[in-house]
Amino acid sequence: MENVLERTIGEIVAADYRTAQVFKDHKIDFCCKGNRGIEEASREKKVDINQLIEELEAVQQVTTTDTSDFKTWPLDLLIDYIEKRHHRYVEEKLPILKQYLHKLCQVHGDRHPDLFKINEEFNQSAGELVAHMKKEEFILFPHVRKMVVTRKNKTQLEAPHFGTVQNPVQMMMNEHAVEGDRFARISELTKSYTPPADGCTTYRVTYALLNEFEEDLHLHIHLENNILFPKAIEMEKQLSLQVQSQ
């Protein structure tokens, strides 16, 4: 893989999302902590770096019919996708998972006290994610859409009240890191979403949904941290140069 040691994990996954599975297999965070290089991540997780590079190269050599290349998408299209695919997913799954976890605590909490901590962590995440998405939908995303229109029409961009796009971007990334850490704890508490031997159907369904929820959150954060946000910051710089040249 060309210049793999010179690129961050986020850049590697942004170039080819199939590589995300390699990092997942080694429990290397490619979304919230995607700004690291693979050398640092390999040391932290005690993974042989040569083996990691071989696995990344093998994944890229496999042909695929998946034509989704988010890195080439216009920013307004990417935002639409994030809202309709990922924000909507979170909104739909939160009440279902909250209901299931509440039921599990009532029925199985005496034998599996970890359920109360899992329920607490998830409910905290639910509240934070709803507020987080609203900040994106009403503050950050509208501004990025304005930048797209401004560049297309070659007009002057109205200065946002938050100064530079880097300010809300940094806030969103900080909140992503909090949720990434929270789901790492949930994963640990659930033993990587493995239900106990005496777990009922609801138990198994809940853990499967939690696993799916975390997977969706990882892709959601990856699209923002590693693609949308850097491109938005770069676009703001280009618009600033455009104004200076006029």
C-alpha atoms as a PDB file:
ATOM      1  CA  MET A   1       0.000   0.000   0.000  1.00  0.00           C
ATOM      2  CA  GLU A   2       1.587   3.220  -1.196  1.00  0.00           C
ATOM      3  CA  ASN A   3       2.898   5.512   1.556  1.00  0.00           C
ATOM      4  CA  VAL A   4       0.842   3.640   4.151  1.00  0.00           C
ATOM      5  CA  LEU A   5       3.188   4.664   6.951  1.00  0.00           C
ATOM      6  CA  GLU A   6       2.825   8.322   5.997  1.00  0.00           C
ATOM      7  CA  ARG A   7      -0.966   8.329   6.132  1.00  0.00           C
ATOM      8  CA  THR A   8      -3.301   8.403   9.106  1.00  0.00           C
ATOM      9  CA  ILE A   9      -5.692   5.545   9.766  1.00  0.00           C
ATOM     10  CA  GLY A  10      -8.569   7.878   8.910  1.00  0.00           C
ATOM     11  CA  GLU A  11      -7.024   8.702   5.545  1.00  0.00           C
ATOM     12  CA  ILE A  12      -6.511   5.015   4.771  1.00  0.00           C
ATOM     13  CA  VAL A  13     -10.141   4.177   5.531  1.00  0.00           C
ATOM     14  CA  ALA A  14     -11.388   7.276   3.711  1.00  0.00           C
ATOM     15  CA  ALA A  15      -9.579   6.089   0.584  1.00  0.00           C
ATOM     16  CA  ASP A  16     -11.044   2.567   0.841  1.00  0.00           C
ATOM     17  CA  TYR A  17     -13.677   1.782   3.474  1.00  0.00           C
ATOM     18  CA  ARG A  18     -13.031  -1.959   3.131  1.00  0.00           C
ATOM     19  CA  THR A  19      -9.859  -1.434   5.161  1.00  0.00           C
ATOM     20  CA  ALA A  20     -12.059  -0.535   8.138  1.00  0.00           C
ATOM     21  CA  GLN A  21     -12.707  -4.225   8.770  1.00  0.00           C
ATOM     22  CA  VAL A  22      -8.985  -4.889   9.145  1.00  0.00           C
ATOM     23  CA  PHE A  23      -8.733  -2.230  11.830  1.00  0.00           C
ATOM     24  CA  LYS A  24     -11.891  -3.551  13.505  1.00  0.00           C
ATOM     25  CA  ASP A  25     -10.441  -7.054  13.617  1.00  0.00           C
ATOM     26  CA  HIS A  26      -7.467  -5.712  15.564  1.00  0.00           C
ATOM     27  CA  LYS A  27      -9.657  -3.440  17.732  1.00  0.00           C
ATOM     28  CA  ILE A  28      -8.005  -0.330  16.282  1.00  0.00           C
ATOM     29  CA  ASP A  29     -10.283   2.727  16.347  1.00  0.00           C
ATOM     30  CA  PHE A  30     -10.416   4.180  12.815  1.00  0.00           C
ATOM     31  CA  CYS A  31     -13.094   6.824  13.433  1.00  0.00           C
ATOM     32  CA  CYS A  32     -12.713   8.745  16.708  1.00  0.00           C
ATOM     33  CA  LYS A  33      -8.956   8.088  16.819  1.00  0.00           C
ATOM     34  CA  GLY A  34      -8.373   8.038  13.080  1.00  0.00           C
ATOM     35  CA  ASN A  35      -5.812  10.846  13.228  1.00  0.00           C
ATOM     36  CA  ARG A  36      -3.048   8.414  14.276  1.00  0.00           C
ATOM     37  CA  GLY A  37      -0.626   6.517  12.081  1.00  0.00           C
ATOM     38  CA  ILE A  38      -0.621   2.732  11.949  1.00  0.00           C
ATOM     39  CA  GLU A  39       2.761   2.536  13.707  1.00  0.00           C
ATOM     40  CA  GLU A  40       1.376   4.203  16.830  1.00  0.00           C
ATOM     41  CA  ALA A  41      -1.832   2.157  16.738  1.00  0.00           C
ATOM     42  CA  SER A  42       0.092  -1.097  16.212  1.00  0.00           C
ATOM     43  CA  ARG A  43       2.288  -0.430  19.221  1.00  0.00           C
ATOM     44  CA  GLU A  44      -0.719   0.397  21.385  1.00  0.00           C
ATOM     45  CA  LYS A  45      -2.619  -2.773  20.421  1.00  0.00           C
ATOM     46  CA  LYS A  46       0.532  -4.953  20.232  1.00  0.00           C
ATOM     47  CA  VAL A  47      -0.185  -5.823  16.593  1.00  0.00           C
ATOM     48  CA  ASP A  48       2.610  -6.836  14.215  1.00  0.00           C
ATOM     49  CA  ILE A  49       2.790  -3.897  11.807  1.00  0.00           C
ATOM     50  CA  ASN A  50       3.978  -6.015   8.872  1.00  0.00           C
ATOM     51  CA  GLN A  51       1.008  -8.324   9.310  1.00  0.00           C
ATOM     52  CA  LEU A  52      -1.312  -5.314   9.491  1.00  0.00           C
ATOM     53  CA  ILE A  53       0.093  -3.872   6.259  1.00  0.00           C
ATOM     54  CA  GLU A  54      -0.256  -7.262   4.538  1.00  0.00           C
ATOM     55  CA  GLU A  55      -3.901  -7.502   5.588  1.00  0.00           C
ATOM     56  CA  LEU A  56      -4.625  -3.971   4.381  1.00  0.00           C
ATOM     57  CA  GLU A  57      -3.013  -4.717   1.022  1.00  0.00           C
ATOM     58  CA  ALA A  58      -4.952  -7.984   0.692  1.00  0.00           C
ATOM     59  CA  VAL A  59      -8.266  -6.242   1.248  1.00  0.00           C
ATOM     60  CA  GLN A  60      -7.532  -3.663  -1.427  1.00  0.00           C
ATOM     61  CA  GLN A  61      -6.641  -6.320  -3.985  1.00  0.00           C
ATOM     62  CA  VAL A  62     -10.103  -7.878  -3.767  1.00  0.00           C
ATOM     63  CA  THR A  63     -12.481  -6.656  -6.456  1.00  0.00           C
ATOM     64  CA  THR A  64     -15.857  -5.391  -5.292  1.00  0.00           C
ATOM     65  CA  THR A  65     -19.134  -4.232  -6.779  1.00  0.00           C
ATOM     66  CA  ASP A  66     -19.509  -1.561  -4.108  1.00  0.00           C
ATOM     67  CA  THR A  67     -19.214   1.750  -5.934  1.00  0.00           C
ATOM     68  CA  SER A  68     -19.675   4.007  -2.903  1.00  0.00           C
ATOM     69  CA  ASP A  69     -16.723   6.377  -2.838  1.00  0.00           C
ATOM     70  CA  PHE A  70     -17.728   8.933  -0.240  1.00  0.00           C
ATOM     71  CA  LYS A  71     -14.480  10.850  -0.611  1.00  0.00           C
ATOM     72  CA  THR A  72     -15.484  11.998  -4.112  1.00  0.00           C
ATOM     73  CA  TRP A  73     -19.013  13.068  -3.182  1.00  0.00           C
ATOM     74  CA  PRO A  74     -19.922  16.777  -3.114  1.00  0.00           C
ATOM     75  CA  LEU A  75     -20.227  17.954   0.481  1.00  0.00           C
ATOM     76  CA  ASP A  76     -23.927  18.775   0.261  1.00  0.00           C
ATOM     77  CA  LEU A  77     -24.643  15.267  -1.067  1.00  0.00           C
ATOM     78  CA  LEU A  78     -22.566  13.710   1.705  1.00  0.00           C
ATOM     79  CA  ILE A  79     -24.468  15.738   4.308  1.00  0.00           C
ATOM     80  CA  ASP A  80     -27.792  14.609   2.847  1.00  0.00           C
ATOM     81  CA  TYR A  81     -26.604  11.003   3.061  1.00  0.00           C
ATOM     82  CA  ILE A  82     -25.439  11.356   6.675  1.00  0.00           C
ATOM     83  CA  GLU A  83     -28.740  12.889   7.723  1.00  0.00           C
ATOM     84  CA  LYS A  84     -30.980  10.451   5.859  1.00  0.00           C
ATOM     85  CA  ARG A  85     -28.950   7.315   6.509  1.00  0.00           C
ATOM     86  CA  HIS A  86     -27.257   7.770   9.858  1.00  0.00           C
ATOM     87  CA  HIS A  87     -29.213  10.445  11.727  1.00  0.00           C
ATOM     88  CA  ARG A  88     -32.476   8.755  10.799  1.00  0.00           C
ATOM     89  CA  TYR A  89     -31.076   5.373  11.859  1.00  0.00           C
ATOM     90  CA  VAL A  90     -30.158   6.736  15.307  1.00  0.00           C
ATOM     91  CA  GLU A  91     -33.579   8.337  15.720  1.00  0.00           C
ATOM     92  CA  GLU A  92     -35.325   5.067  14.824  1.00  0.00           C
ATOM     93  CA  LYS A  93     -33.189   2.728  16.948  1.00  0.00           C
ATOM     94  CA  LEU A  94     -32.846   4.778  20.141  1.00  0.00           C
ATOM     95  CA  PRO A  95     -36.415   4.222  21.460  1.00  0.00           C
ATOM     96  CA  ILE A  96     -36.318   0.534  20.530  1.00  0.00           C
ATOM     97  CA  LEU A  97     -33.043  -0.101  22.329  1.00  0.00           C
ATOM     98  CA  LYS A  98     -34.077   1.944  25.358  1.00  0.00           C
ATOM     99  CA  GLN A  99     -37.247  -0.139  25.664  1.00  0.00           C
ATOM    100  CA  TYR A 100     -35.377  -3.447  25.297  1.00  0.00           C
ATOM    101  CA  LEU A 101     -32.674  -2.510  27.799  1.00  0.00           C
ATOM    102  CA  HIS A 102     -35.261  -1.372  30.333  1.00  0.00           C
ATOM    103  CA  LYS A 103     -37.045  -4.727  29.978  1.00  0.00           C
ATOM    104  CA  LEU A 104     -33.792  -6.679  30.362  1.00  0.00           C
ATOM    105  CA  CYS A 105     -32.968  -4.802  33.566  1.00  0.00           C
ATOM    106  CA  GLN A 106     -36.377  -5.654  34.988  1.00  0.00           C
ATOM    107  CA  VAL A 107     -36.282  -9.336  34.011  1.00  0.00           C
ATOM    108  CA  HIS A 108     -32.580 -10.257  34.184  1.00  0.00           C
ATOM    109  CA  GLY A 109     -30.993  -7.501  36.265  1.00  0.00           C
ATOM    110  CA  ASP A 110     -30.870  -9.582  39.444  1.00  0.00           C
ATOM    111  CA  ARG A 111     -28.740 -12.268  37.739  1.00  0.00           C
ATOM    112  CA  HIS A 112     -26.829  -9.905  35.432  1.00  0.00           C
ATOM    113  CA  PRO A 113     -26.221  -6.599  37.279  1.00  0.00           C
ATOM    114  CA  ASP A 114     -24.005  -5.341  34.434  1.00  0.00           C
ATOM    115  CA  LEU A 115     -27.250  -4.664  32.569  1.00  0.00           C
ATOM    116  CA  PHE A 116     -27.917  -1.652  34.784  1.00  0.00           C
ATOM    117  CA  LYS A 117     -24.576  -0.103  33.849  1.00  0.00           C
ATOM    118  CA  ILE A 118     -25.132  -0.888  30.157  1.00  0.00           C
ATOM    119  CA  ASN A 119     -28.571   0.718  30.366  1.00  0.00           C
ATOM    120  CA  GLU A 120     -27.130   3.789  32.093  1.00  0.00           C
ATOM    121  CA  GLU A 121     -24.363   4.193  29.513  1.00  0.00           C
ATOM    122  CA  PHE A 122     -26.749   3.792  26.580  1.00  0.00           C
ATOM    123  CA  ASN A 123     -29.301   6.240  27.954  1.00  0.00           C
ATOM    124  CA  GLN A 124     -26.579   8.838  28.478  1.00  0.00           C
ATOM    125  CA  SER A 125     -25.443   8.253  24.912  1.00  0.00           C
ATOM    126  CA  ALA A 126     -29.004   8.567  23.617  1.00  0.00           C
ATOM    127  CA  GLY A 127     -29.433  12.023  25.131  1.00  0.00           C
ATOM    128  CA  GLU A 128     -26.039  13.220  23.947  1.00  0.00           C
ATOM    129  CA  LEU A 129     -26.482  11.887  20.405  1.00  0.00           C
ATOM    130  CA  VAL A 130     -29.855  13.587  19.934  1.00  0.00           C
ATOM    131  CA  ALA A 131     -28.406  16.945  21.032  1.00  0.00           C
ATOM    132  CA  HIS A 132     -25.293  16.353  18.913  1.00  0.00           C
ATOM    133  CA  MET A 133     -27.262  15.646  15.739  1.00  0.00           C
ATOM    134  CA  LYS A 134     -29.411  18.739  16.214  1.00  0.00           C
ATOM    135  CA  LYS A 135     -26.293  20.913  16.467  1.00  0.00           C
ATOM    136  CA  GLU A 136     -25.104  19.432  13.200  1.00  0.00           C
ATOM    137  CA  GLU A 137     -28.463  19.773  11.469  1.00  0.00           C
ATOM    138  CA  PHE A 138     -29.165  23.345  12.574  1.00  0.00           C
ATOM    139  CA  ILE A 139     -25.700  24.913  12.857  1.00  0.00           C
ATOM    140  CA  LEU A 140     -22.809  23.126  11.149  1.00  0.00           C
ATOM    141  CA  PHE A 141     -24.471  21.439   8.174  1.00  0.00           C
ATOM    142  CA  PRO A 142     -26.425  24.521   6.999  1.00  0.00           C
ATOM    143  CA  HIS A 143     -23.187  26.513   7.014  1.00  0.00           C
ATOM    144  CA  VAL A 144     -21.361  23.894   4.962  1.00  0.00           C
ATOM    145  CA  ARG A 145     -24.244  23.909   2.474  1.00  0.00           C
ATOM    146  CA  LYS A 146     -23.912  27.701   2.245  1.00  0.00           C
ATOM    147  CA  MET A 147     -20.216  27.311   1.502  1.00  0.00           C
ATOM    148  CA  VAL A 148     -21.011  24.892  -1.327  1.00  0.00           C
ATOM    149  CA  VAL A 149     -23.474  27.371  -2.870  1.00  0.00           C
ATOM    150  CA  THR A 150     -21.060  30.258  -2.354  1.00  0.00           C
ATOM    151  CA  ARG A 151     -18.272  28.492  -4.181  1.00  0.00           C
ATOM    152  CA  LYS A 152     -20.582  27.454  -7.011  1.00  0.00           C
ATOM    153  CA  ASN A 153     -21.989  30.966  -7.497  1.00  0.00           C
ATOM    154  CA  LYS A 154     -18.694  32.706  -6.720  1.00  0.00           C
ATOM    155  CA  THR A 155     -20.385  34.982  -4.217  1.00  0.00           C
ATOM    156  CA  GLN A 156     -19.222  36.187  -0.807  1.00  0.00           C
ATOM    157  CA  LEU A 157     -19.907  34.016   2.210  1.00  0.00           C
ATOM    158  CA  GLU A 158     -21.610  35.625   5.166  1.00  0.00           C
ATOM    159  CA  ALA A 159     -19.422  35.255   8.256  1.00  0.00           C
ATOM    160  CA  PRO A 160     -20.967  32.737  10.691  1.00  0.00           C
ATOM    161  CA  HIS A 161     -21.546  33.642  14.325  1.00  0.00           C
ATOM    162  CA  PHE A 162     -19.116  30.896  15.384  1.00  0.00           C
ATOM    163  CA  GLY A 163     -16.198  32.534  13.552  1.00  0.00           C
ATOM    164  CA  THR A 164     -14.642  29.689  11.597  1.00  0.00           C
ATOM    165  CA  VAL A 165     -16.003  26.279  10.651  1.00  0.00           C
ATOM    166  CA  GLN A 166     -13.145  24.752  12.625  1.00  0.00           C
ATOM    167  CA  ASN A 167     -14.871  25.728  15.892  1.00  0.00           C
ATOM    168  CA  PRO A 168     -18.046  23.618  15.522  1.00  0.00           C
ATOM    169  CA  VAL A 169     -16.020  20.907  13.793  1.00  0.00           C
ATOM    170  CA  GLN A 170     -13.735  20.600  16.815  1.00  0.00           C
ATOM    171  CA  MET A 171     -16.752  20.495  19.118  1.00  0.00           C
ATOM    172  CA  MET A 172     -18.348  17.729  17.061  1.00  0.00           C
ATOM    173  CA  MET A 173     -15.103  15.729  17.026  1.00  0.00           C
ATOM    174  CA  ASN A 174     -14.772  16.044  20.799  1.00  0.00           C
ATOM    175  CA  GLU A 175     -18.320  14.748  21.196  1.00  0.00           C
ATOM    176  CA  HIS A 176     -17.585  11.915  18.772  1.00  0.00           C
ATOM    177  CA  ALA A 177     -14.659  10.881  20.955  1.00  0.00           C
ATOM    178  CA  VAL A 178     -16.889  10.807  24.034  1.00  0.00           C
ATOM    179  CA  GLU A 179     -19.419   8.537  22.321  1.00  0.00           C
ATOM    180  CA  GLY A 180     -16.693   6.339  20.880  1.00  0.00           C
ATOM    181  CA  ASP A 181     -15.282   5.798  24.366  1.00  0.00           C
ATOM    182  CA  ARG A 182     -18.764   5.187  25.750  1.00  0.00           C
ATOM    183  CA  PHE A 183     -19.501   2.443  23.234  1.00  0.00           C
ATOM    184  CA  ALA A 184     -16.109   0.906  23.888  1.00  0.00           C
ATOM    185  CA  ARG A 185     -17.251   0.551  27.510  1.00  0.00           C
ATOM    186  CA  ILE A 186     -20.608  -0.893  26.423  1.00  0.00           C
ATOM    187  CA  SER A 187     -18.798  -3.386  24.208  1.00  0.00           C
ATOM    188  CA  GLU A 188     -16.613  -4.414  27.133  1.00  0.00           C
ATOM    189  CA  LEU A 189     -19.581  -4.730  29.499  1.00  0.00           C
ATOM    190  CA  THR A 190     -21.430  -6.925  26.988  1.00  0.00           C
ATOM    191  CA  LYS A 191     -18.324  -9.018  26.243  1.00  0.00           C
ATOM    192  CA  SER A 192     -18.348  -7.814  22.636  1.00  0.00           C
ATOM    193  CA  TYR A 193     -22.142  -8.168  22.481  1.00  0.00           C
ATOM    194  CA  THR A 194     -22.148 -11.827  23.483  1.00  0.00           C
ATOM    195  CA  PRO A 195     -25.360 -12.676  25.359  1.00  0.00           C
ATOM    196  CA  PRO A 196     -25.103 -15.033  28.354  1.00  0.00           C
ATOM    197  CA  ALA A 197     -26.093 -18.685  28.091  1.00  0.00           C
ATOM    198  CA  ASP A 198     -29.369 -18.030  29.922  1.00  0.00           C
ATOM    199  CA  GLY A 199     -30.191 -15.017  27.758  1.00  0.00           C
ATOM    200  CA  CYS A 200     -33.696 -14.953  26.293  1.00  0.00           C
ATOM    201  CA  THR A 201     -34.604 -13.951  22.749  1.00  0.00           C
ATOM    202  CA  THR A 202     -34.941 -10.296  23.789  1.00  0.00           C
ATOM    203  CA  TYR A 203     -31.457 -10.500  25.295  1.00  0.00           C
ATOM    204  CA  ARG A 204     -29.982 -11.793  22.038  1.00  0.00           C
ATOM    205  CA  VAL A 205     -31.888  -9.296  19.888  1.00  0.00           C
ATOM    206  CA  THR A 206     -30.843  -6.391  22.115  1.00  0.00           C
ATOM    207  CA  TYR A 207     -27.167  -7.286  21.977  1.00  0.00           C
ATOM    208  CA  ALA A 208     -27.343  -7.754  18.205  1.00  0.00           C
ATOM    209  CA  LEU A 209     -28.972  -4.317  17.867  1.00  0.00           C
ATOM    210  CA  LEU A 210     -26.367  -2.719  20.128  1.00  0.00           C
ATOM    211  CA  ASN A 211     -23.632  -4.225  17.981  1.00  0.00           C
ATOM    212  CA  GLU A 212     -25.317  -2.957  14.817  1.00  0.00           C
ATOM    213  CA  PHE A 213     -25.778   0.470  16.434  1.00  0.00           C
ATOM    214  CA  GLU A 214     -22.074   0.720  17.246  1.00  0.00           C
ATOM    215  CA  GLU A 215     -21.115  -0.362  13.721  1.00  0.00           C
ATOM    216  CA  ASP A 216     -23.374   2.325  12.255  1.00  0.00           C
ATOM    217  CA  LEU A 217     -21.959   4.912  14.662  1.00  0.00           C
ATOM    218  CA  HIS A 218     -18.408   4.056  13.600  1.00  0.00           C
ATOM    219  CA  LEU A 219     -19.219   4.626   9.928  1.00  0.00           C
ATOM    220  CA  HIS A 220     -21.186   7.761  10.805  1.00  0.00           C
ATOM    221  CA  ILE A 221     -18.245   9.239  12.715  1.00  0.00           C
ATOM    222  CA  HIS A 222     -15.781   8.140  10.042  1.00  0.00           C
ATOM    223  CA  LEU A 223     -17.696   9.964   7.299  1.00  0.00           C
ATOM    224  CA  GLU A 224     -17.625  13.146   9.346  1.00  0.00           C
ATOM    225  CA  ASN A 225     -14.216  13.071  11.040  1.00  0.00           C
ATOM    226  CA  ASN A 226     -12.205  11.729   8.120  1.00  0.00           C
ATOM    227  CA  ILE A 227     -14.048  13.091   5.072  1.00  0.00           C
ATOM    228  CA  LEU A 228     -16.677  15.786   5.671  1.00  0.00           C
ATOM    229  CA  PHE A 229     -14.884  17.851   8.289  1.00  0.00           C
ATOM    230  CA  PRO A 230     -11.444  18.053   6.610  1.00  0.00           C
ATOM    231  CA  LYS A 231     -13.072  18.938   3.280  1.00  0.00           C
ATOM    232  CA  ALA A 232     -15.236  21.618   4.931  1.00  0.00           C
ATOM    233  CA  ILE A 233     -12.174  23.192   6.544  1.00  0.00           C
ATOM    234  CA  GLU A 234     -10.344  23.111   3.211  1.00  0.00           C
ATOM    235  CA  MET A 235     -13.315  24.671   1.410  1.00  0.00           C
ATOM    236  CA  GLU A 236     -13.434  27.517   3.925  1.00  0.00           C
ATOM    237  CA  LYS A 237      -9.736  28.206   3.251  1.00  0.00           C
ATOM    238  CA  GLN A 238     -10.363  28.240  -0.506  1.00  0.00           C
ATOM    239  CA  LEU A 239     -13.276  30.665  -0.117  1.00  0.00           C
ATOM    240  CA  SER A 240     -11.105  32.933   2.006  1.00  0.00           C
ATOM    241  CA  LEU A 241      -8.426  32.985  -0.716  1.00  0.00           C
ATOM    242  CA  GLN A 242     -11.116  33.640  -3.312  1.00  0.00           C
ATOM    243  CA  VAL A 243     -12.268  36.746  -1.415  1.00  0.00           C
ATOM    244  CA  GLN A 244      -8.687  37.989  -1.019  1.00  0.00           C
ATOM    245  CA  SER A 245      -8.057  37.667  -4.755  1.00  0.00           C
ATOM    246  CA  GLN A 246     -11.085  39.753  -5.718  1.00  0.00           C
END
